[in-house]
């Protein structure tokens, strides 16, 4: 598997990584990111695509907001 780290990928590769990871087959209109109030998945991962933040950091921040002090692991 190829690295997904920003320093080892181009912007185009990061776009493809996000596109491939969001392709659940259900279509964006039923993406859990949207119906949970998280917003557009493309907006959520724009900092990764632009090379400003690693995926793991974006995902951790999103989960922290989603949990909102609930007992979710």
C-alpha atoms as a PDB file:
ATOM      1  CA  UNK A   1       0.000   0.000   0.000  1.00  0.00           C
ATOM      2  CA  UNK A   2       1.268   3.442  -0.905  1.00  0.00           C
ATOM      3  CA  UNK A   3       1.699   6.013   1.841  1.00  0.00           C
ATOM      4  CA  UNK A   4      -1.073   8.533   2.448  1.00  0.00           C
ATOM      5  CA  UNK A   5       1.152  11.027   4.266  1.00  0.00           C
ATOM      6  CA  UNK A   6       1.135  14.531   2.845  1.00  0.00           C
ATOM      7  CA  UNK A   7       4.896  14.653   2.422  1.00  0.00           C
ATOM      8  CA  UNK A   8       4.785  11.489   0.304  1.00  0.00           C
ATOM      9  CA  UNK A   9       1.816  12.381  -1.923  1.00  0.00           C
ATOM     10  CA  UNK A  10       0.898  15.017  -4.459  1.00  0.00           C
ATOM     11  CA  UNK A  11      -2.284  17.067  -4.321  1.00  0.00           C
ATOM     12  CA  UNK A  12      -3.727  14.941  -7.129  1.00  0.00           C
ATOM     13  CA  UNK A  13      -2.925  11.742  -5.242  1.00  0.00           C
ATOM     14  CA  UNK A  14      -4.563  13.125  -2.087  1.00  0.00           C
ATOM     15  CA  UNK A  15      -7.695  13.977  -4.081  1.00  0.00           C
ATOM     16  CA  UNK A  16      -7.797  10.398  -5.361  1.00  0.00           C
ATOM     17  CA  UNK A  17      -7.257   9.015  -1.849  1.00  0.00           C
ATOM     18  CA  UNK A  18     -10.238  10.995  -0.568  1.00  0.00           C
ATOM     19  CA  UNK A  19     -12.354  10.142  -3.592  1.00  0.00           C
ATOM     20  CA  UNK A  20     -11.607   6.424  -3.215  1.00  0.00           C
ATOM     21  CA  UNK A  21     -12.244   6.455   0.529  1.00  0.00           C
ATOM     22  CA  UNK A  22     -15.602   8.205   0.115  1.00  0.00           C
ATOM     23  CA  UNK A  23     -16.813   5.860  -2.604  1.00  0.00           C
ATOM     24  CA  UNK A  24     -19.084   3.660  -0.527  1.00  0.00           C
ATOM     25  CA  UNK A  25     -21.418   3.054  -3.435  1.00  0.00           C
ATOM     26  CA  UNK A  26     -24.310   4.748  -1.688  1.00  0.00           C
ATOM     27  CA  UNK A  27     -23.817   8.204  -3.108  1.00  0.00           C
ATOM     28  CA  UNK A  28     -22.963  11.426  -1.335  1.00  0.00           C
ATOM     29  CA  UNK A  29     -26.597  12.176  -0.492  1.00  0.00           C
ATOM     30  CA  UNK A  30     -26.527   9.480   2.199  1.00  0.00           C
ATOM     31  CA  UNK A  31     -22.958   9.932   3.413  1.00  0.00           C
ATOM     32  CA  UNK A  32     -22.712   9.642   7.210  1.00  0.00           C
ATOM     33  CA  UNK A  33     -20.625  12.787   7.255  1.00  0.00           C
ATOM     34  CA  UNK A  34     -23.562  14.809   5.964  1.00  0.00           C
ATOM     35  CA  UNK A  35     -26.499  13.270   7.804  1.00  0.00           C
ATOM     36  CA  UNK A  36     -24.671  13.509  11.103  1.00  0.00           C
ATOM     37  CA  UNK A  37     -24.314  17.226  10.565  1.00  0.00           C
ATOM     38  CA  UNK A  38     -20.614  17.098   9.789  1.00  0.00           C
ATOM     39  CA  UNK A  39     -20.999  18.867   6.492  1.00  0.00           C
ATOM     40  CA  UNK A  40     -19.639  18.044   3.086  1.00  0.00           C
ATOM     41  CA  UNK A  41     -17.016  15.292   3.141  1.00  0.00           C
ATOM     42  CA  UNK A  42     -15.038  17.298   0.591  1.00  0.00           C
ATOM     43  CA  UNK A  43     -15.010  20.312   2.910  1.00  0.00           C
ATOM     44  CA  UNK A  44     -13.956  18.156   5.863  1.00  0.00           C
ATOM     45  CA  UNK A  45     -10.929  16.793   4.003  1.00  0.00           C
ATOM     46  CA  UNK A  46      -9.958  19.949   2.091  1.00  0.00           C
ATOM     47  CA  UNK A  47      -7.072  20.686   4.484  1.00  0.00           C
ATOM     48  CA  UNK A  48      -5.616  17.262   3.684  1.00  0.00           C
ATOM     49  CA  UNK A  49      -6.051  17.732  -0.050  1.00  0.00           C
ATOM     50  CA  UNK A  50      -4.392  21.151   0.189  1.00  0.00           C
ATOM     51  CA  UNK A  51      -1.506  19.719   2.254  1.00  0.00           C
ATOM     52  CA  UNK A  52      -2.261  21.559   5.493  1.00  0.00           C
ATOM     53  CA  UNK A  53      -3.329  18.694   7.789  1.00  0.00           C
ATOM     54  CA  UNK A  54      -2.830  14.937   7.925  1.00  0.00           C
ATOM     55  CA  UNK A  55      -5.831  12.636   7.580  1.00  0.00           C
ATOM     56  CA  UNK A  56      -5.371  11.196  11.054  1.00  0.00           C
ATOM     57  CA  UNK A  57      -5.580  14.677  12.587  1.00  0.00           C
ATOM     58  CA  UNK A  58      -8.727  15.608  10.649  1.00  0.00           C
ATOM     59  CA  UNK A  59     -10.379  12.319  11.581  1.00  0.00           C
ATOM     60  CA  UNK A  60      -9.467  12.742  15.262  1.00  0.00           C
ATOM     61  CA  UNK A  61     -10.875  16.287  15.330  1.00  0.00           C
ATOM     62  CA  UNK A  62     -14.072  15.176  13.602  1.00  0.00           C
ATOM     63  CA  UNK A  63     -14.583  12.279  16.021  1.00  0.00           C
ATOM     64  CA  UNK A  64     -13.993  14.557  18.981  1.00  0.00           C
ATOM     65  CA  UNK A  65     -16.690  16.943  17.725  1.00  0.00           C
ATOM     66  CA  UNK A  66     -19.034  14.029  16.928  1.00  0.00           C
ATOM     67  CA  UNK A  67     -18.669  12.419  20.344  1.00  0.00           C
ATOM     68  CA  UNK A  68     -19.485  15.670  22.156  1.00  0.00           C
ATOM     69  CA  UNK A  69     -18.654  14.168  25.563  1.00  0.00           C
ATOM     70  CA  UNK A  70     -20.820  11.093  24.927  1.00  0.00           C
ATOM     71  CA  UNK A  71     -19.537   7.678  25.983  1.00  0.00           C
ATOM     72  CA  UNK A  72     -18.664   6.691  22.398  1.00  0.00           C
ATOM     73  CA  UNK A  73     -15.391   4.854  21.819  1.00  0.00           C
END
